Amino acid sequence: MKSFETIRLYLGRQASNPLRYIWEQLWQSLLGWIPTVIGIGLRGVLYRLILRMDGLAAIENGVRLRFASHLRLGRRVYLDQAVYIHACPNGVTIGDDTLVMHGSILHVYNFRGLKQSGIRIGAKSLIGEYNVIRGQGGVTIGNRVYTSPMVQIVAVNHVFDDPRRPFVEQGITAEGIVIEDDVWIGSGAVITDGVHIGQGAVVAGGAVVTQDVEPHTIVGGVPARVIRTITGEKTTGDRTVYHLEG
């Protein structure tokens, strides 16, 4: 009986129901390992049976998906190798032309029934290598947001007020995180629950952001504080600036 309950708990944290688990795992087992453009092409067509695609998306081999029925990919989305997406309700949405790079984890993991949970990423954004995004409180990321490697965006926090009780018994808070358009977040930065980052802001590498960031402001440090405001003044000196072609 205990073994049955353990299996039921496991299945309940992998897909919306046992039949859906079998269906999603079947297609990932058949197609998820196939490398090169052949595998990308097959997954681009047949993964529509387990998740929602608005258009053509490129999914590399080795990508792991859980609650795939709650995942929506926009046009030309790219999921790199070793990406893990756990879209437990209320799901994960990734906008057109957004890239999720190697080893990143997008994890809603909402088993407390939080209505605000979920991860929403806009268009033409880039989630860097080995990022962790936790969406219990809801994470909204705008358009053209770039995160560097090792960034953590964590919309949940544990309560530990009572010294007589283990923190795991004291519950969580989950206020959510909003990152507006055109934000750049440096390597190793941590964005904590309840933070709102304004449009055009820059978060320096290694910063721990615990308070809201105003638009067009650069912040850094632990905890993060304002370094300067972006005013249009040129700061690159004589250095060569390169742009994407096309």
Protein backbone atom coordinates (compact mmCIF):
# COMPACT_ATOMS: atom_id res chain seq x y z
CA MET A 1 0.00 0.00 0.00
CA LYS A 2 2.81 2.39 0.88
CA SER A 3 4.56 1.57 -2.40
CA PHE A 4 1.35 2.32 -4.30
CA GLU A 5 1.05 5.70 -2.59
CA THR A 6 4.67 6.48 -3.45
CA ILE A 7 4.08 5.66 -7.11
CA ARG A 8 0.88 7.72 -7.14
CA LEU A 9 2.73 10.67 -5.62
CA TYR A 10 5.48 10.36 -8.21
CA LEU A 11 3.08 10.21 -11.14
CA GLY A 12 1.11 13.15 -9.75
CA ARG A 13 4.26 15.26 -9.90
CA GLN A 14 5.17 14.30 -13.45
CA ALA A 15 1.97 14.81 -15.47
CA SER A 16 -1.66 15.84 -15.11
CA ASN A 17 -2.81 12.21 -14.87
CA PRO A 18 -1.30 8.69 -15.25
CA LEU A 19 -2.46 8.26 -18.85
CA ARG A 20 -1.01 11.63 -19.75
CA TYR A 21 2.28 10.60 -18.09
CA ILE A 22 2.47 7.46 -20.25
CA TRP A 23 1.64 9.45 -23.40
CA GLU A 24 4.22 12.18 -22.76
CA GLN A 25 6.95 9.75 -21.70
CA LEU A 26 6.29 7.57 -24.72
CA TRP A 27 7.04 10.34 -27.20
CA GLN A 28 10.01 11.65 -25.24
CA SER A 29 11.46 8.15 -25.02
CA LEU A 30 11.00 7.59 -28.75
CA LEU A 31 12.25 10.98 -29.97
CA GLY A 32 14.02 12.79 -27.13
CA TRP A 33 17.42 11.16 -27.66
CA ILE A 34 17.73 11.63 -31.45
CA PRO A 35 20.58 14.10 -32.20
CA THR A 36 21.21 16.61 -35.00
CA VAL A 37 18.73 18.35 -37.26
CA ILE A 38 16.92 15.04 -37.82
CA GLY A 39 15.86 14.88 -34.18
CA ILE A 40 15.01 18.58 -34.12
CA GLY A 41 12.77 18.09 -37.15
CA LEU A 42 10.99 15.06 -35.73
CA ARG A 43 10.38 16.72 -32.38
CA GLY A 44 9.23 19.90 -34.09
CA VAL A 45 6.47 17.93 -35.77
CA LEU A 46 5.54 15.16 -33.34
CA TYR A 47 5.96 16.93 -29.99
CA ARG A 48 2.80 18.80 -30.96
CA LEU A 49 1.07 15.69 -29.65
CA ILE A 50 2.21 16.45 -26.10
CA LEU A 51 2.60 20.26 -25.93
CA ARG A 52 1.34 23.42 -27.62
CA MET A 53 3.39 25.04 -30.40
CA ASP A 54 2.32 28.22 -32.17
CA GLY A 55 4.72 27.51 -35.02
CA LEU A 56 8.02 25.82 -35.71
CA ALA A 57 10.18 25.30 -32.59
CA ALA A 58 13.62 23.71 -32.27
CA ILE A 59 14.07 21.28 -29.37
CA GLU A 60 17.50 19.69 -29.00
CA ASN A 61 18.06 16.13 -27.80
CA GLY A 62 18.24 15.61 -24.05
CA VAL A 63 15.54 18.16 -23.20
CA ARG A 64 13.32 16.92 -20.34
CA LEU A 65 9.68 18.00 -20.13
CA ARG A 66 7.22 17.38 -17.30
CA PHE A 67 3.55 18.42 -17.41
CA ALA A 68 4.20 19.00 -21.13
CA SER A 69 0.48 19.60 -21.66
CA HIS A 70 0.93 22.87 -19.75
CA LEU A 71 3.86 24.06 -21.92
CA ARG A 72 3.36 26.51 -24.80
CA LEU A 73 6.14 27.42 -27.23
CA GLY A 74 5.96 30.39 -29.58
CA ARG A 75 7.32 30.55 -33.11
CA ARG A 76 11.02 29.75 -33.54
CA VAL A 77 11.61 29.02 -29.85
CA TYR A 78 14.87 27.16 -29.21
CA LEU A 79 15.42 24.76 -26.30
CA ASP A 80 19.06 23.75 -25.96
CA GLN A 81 20.39 20.42 -24.70
CA ALA A 82 19.82 19.50 -21.04
CA VAL A 83 17.04 22.07 -20.56
CA TYR A 84 14.49 20.91 -17.98
CA ILE A 85 10.98 22.36 -17.93
CA HIS A 86 8.50 21.35 -15.24
CA ALA A 87 5.31 23.16 -16.20
CA CYS A 88 3.12 22.02 -13.32
CA PRO A 89 -0.01 24.22 -13.37
CA ASN A 90 -0.34 27.05 -14.17
CA GLY A 91 2.19 26.28 -16.87
CA VAL A 92 5.12 27.74 -18.80
CA THR A 93 4.79 29.98 -21.86
CA ILE A 94 7.80 30.96 -23.99
CA GLY A 95 7.36 33.69 -26.60
CA ASP A 96 8.43 33.90 -30.23
CA ASP A 97 12.17 33.82 -31.06
CA THR A 98 13.22 33.19 -27.45
CA LEU A 99 16.20 30.95 -26.69
CA VAL A 100 16.61 28.82 -23.55
CA MET A 101 20.24 27.78 -23.36
CA HIS A 102 22.06 24.66 -22.16
CA GLY A 103 21.23 23.26 -18.74
CA SER A 104 18.61 25.80 -17.71
CA ILE A 105 15.74 24.82 -15.41
CA LEU A 106 12.27 26.34 -15.61
CA HIS A 107 10.33 24.89 -12.71
CA VAL A 108 6.84 25.99 -11.66
CA TYR A 109 6.52 23.14 -9.14
CA ASN A 110 3.20 24.34 -7.76
CA PHE A 111 1.78 21.60 -5.56
CA ARG A 112 0.17 24.00 -3.08
CA GLY A 113 -2.47 25.17 -5.53
CA LEU A 114 -1.16 28.74 -5.80
CA LYS A 115 -3.28 30.55 -8.38
CA GLN A 116 -0.52 33.03 -9.26
CA SER A 117 2.05 30.36 -10.17
CA GLY A 118 3.56 30.00 -13.63
CA ILE A 119 6.39 31.23 -15.84
CA ARG A 120 5.78 33.62 -18.74
CA ILE A 121 8.67 34.66 -20.99
CA GLY A 122 8.18 37.17 -23.79
CA ALA A 123 9.55 37.37 -27.33
CA LYS A 124 13.18 37.63 -28.50
CA SER A 125 14.55 36.92 -25.02
CA LEU A 126 17.50 34.76 -24.06
CA ILE A 127 17.71 32.60 -20.94
CA GLY A 128 21.42 31.93 -20.42
CA GLU A 129 23.21 28.69 -19.58
CA TYR A 130 22.38 27.01 -16.26
CA ASN A 131 19.73 29.51 -15.20
CA VAL A 132 17.17 28.48 -12.59
CA ILE A 133 13.70 30.00 -12.72
CA ARG A 134 11.25 28.96 -9.98
CA GLY A 135 7.68 30.06 -10.59
CA GLN A 136 5.58 29.25 -7.53
CA GLY A 137 4.71 32.91 -7.03
CA GLY A 138 4.60 33.61 -10.75
CA VAL A 139 7.47 34.86 -12.91
CA THR A 140 6.80 37.25 -15.79
CA ILE A 141 9.73 38.10 -18.07
CA GLY A 142 9.26 40.62 -20.86
CA ASN A 143 10.53 40.96 -24.41
CA ARG A 144 14.24 41.17 -25.28
CA VAL A 145 15.34 40.22 -21.77
CA TYR A 146 18.80 38.64 -21.66
CA THR A 147 20.03 36.65 -18.69
CA SER A 148 23.68 35.61 -18.49
CA PRO A 149 24.85 32.19 -17.24
CA MET A 150 24.04 31.00 -13.70
CA VAL A 151 21.24 33.50 -13.01
CA GLN A 152 18.59 32.52 -10.45
CA ILE A 153 15.08 33.97 -10.54
CA VAL A 154 13.25 32.51 -7.56
CA ALA A 155 9.63 33.51 -6.89
CA VAL A 156 9.29 31.71 -3.58
CA ASN A 157 10.70 32.02 -0.07
CA HIS A 158 10.53 29.89 3.08
CA VAL A 159 9.15 31.16 6.37
CA PHE A 160 11.46 30.54 9.35
CA ASP A 161 10.10 32.78 12.12
CA ASP A 162 9.49 30.09 14.76
CA PRO A 163 12.73 28.66 16.23
CA ARG A 164 10.78 25.76 17.76
CA ARG A 165 9.55 24.38 14.44
CA PRO A 166 11.40 23.11 11.35
CA PHE A 167 11.17 25.67 8.54
CA VAL A 168 9.59 23.05 6.27
CA GLU A 169 6.51 23.16 8.53
CA GLN A 170 6.21 26.96 8.52
CA GLY A 171 5.07 27.42 4.93
CA ILE A 172 6.24 29.69 2.14
CA THR A 173 5.63 33.13 0.72
CA ALA A 174 5.23 33.54 -3.04
CA GLU A 175 4.67 37.12 -4.17
CA GLY A 176 6.00 36.77 -7.71
CA ILE A 177 8.67 38.42 -9.85
CA VAL A 178 8.19 40.79 -12.80
CA ILE A 179 11.02 41.68 -15.20
CA GLU A 180 10.00 44.22 -17.81
CA ASP A 181 11.25 44.57 -21.40
CA ASP A 182 14.88 45.15 -22.42
CA VAL A 183 16.51 44.10 -19.13
CA TRP A 184 20.00 42.60 -18.99
CA ILE A 185 20.93 40.43 -15.99
CA GLY A 186 24.61 39.61 -15.43
CA SER A 187 26.16 36.24 -14.60
CA GLY A 188 25.42 34.74 -11.21
CA ALA A 189 22.81 37.33 -10.22
CA VAL A 190 19.95 36.30 -7.92
CA ILE A 191 16.49 37.86 -8.21
CA THR A 192 14.46 37.20 -5.06
CA ASP A 193 10.71 36.87 -4.58
CA GLY A 194 8.59 40.02 -4.70
CA VAL A 195 10.96 42.01 -6.93
CA HIS A 196 9.88 44.15 -9.90
CA ILE A 197 12.62 45.16 -12.37
CA GLY A 198 11.75 48.09 -14.62
CA GLN A 199 12.25 48.43 -18.35
CA GLY A 200 15.80 48.88 -19.62
CA ALA A 201 17.43 48.14 -16.27
CA VAL A 202 20.76 46.33 -15.89
CA VAL A 203 21.62 43.96 -13.03
CA ALA A 204 25.37 43.50 -12.52
CA GLY A 205 26.93 40.06 -12.28
CA GLY A 206 26.77 38.49 -8.82
CA ALA A 207 24.15 40.93 -7.53
CA VAL A 208 21.43 39.82 -5.12
CA VAL A 209 18.32 41.84 -5.90
CA THR A 210 15.98 42.11 -2.92
CA GLN A 211 14.13 45.34 -3.80
CA ASP A 212 12.46 46.80 -6.89
CA VAL A 213 14.71 48.25 -9.59
CA GLU A 214 13.65 51.44 -11.36
CA PRO A 215 13.63 51.59 -15.18
CA HIS A 216 16.95 52.39 -16.91
CA THR A 217 18.93 51.89 -13.71
CA ILE A 218 22.08 49.83 -13.14
CA VAL A 219 22.23 47.96 -9.83
CA GLY A 220 24.90 45.75 -8.27
CA GLY A 221 26.18 44.36 -5.01
CA VAL A 222 24.84 42.24 -2.14
CA PRO A 223 22.19 43.36 -1.53
CA ALA A 224 21.92 45.22 -4.83
CA ARG A 225 22.01 49.02 -4.78
CA VAL A 226 21.87 51.65 -7.50
CA ILE A 227 25.18 52.20 -9.31
CA ARG A 228 23.98 54.76 -11.81
CA THR A 229 21.13 55.76 -14.09
CA ILE A 230 21.26 55.17 -17.85
CA THR A 231 20.89 58.63 -19.42
CA GLY A 232 22.10 58.19 -23.01
CA GLU A 233 25.63 59.33 -22.25
CA LYS A 234 28.23 57.27 -24.12
CA THR A 235 30.26 55.06 -21.78
CA THR A 236 32.17 52.84 -24.23
CA GLY A 237 34.87 55.41 -25.05
CA ASP A 238 36.92 54.38 -28.07
CA ARG A 239 36.02 50.70 -27.81
CA THR A 240 34.52 49.05 -30.90
CA VAL A 241 30.82 48.23 -30.60
CA TYR A 242 29.51 45.24 -32.58
CA HIS A 243 25.91 44.69 -33.70
CA LEU A 244 23.92 41.75 -34.99
CA GLU A 245 23.59 41.70 -38.76
CA GLY A 246 20.18 41.61 -40.39
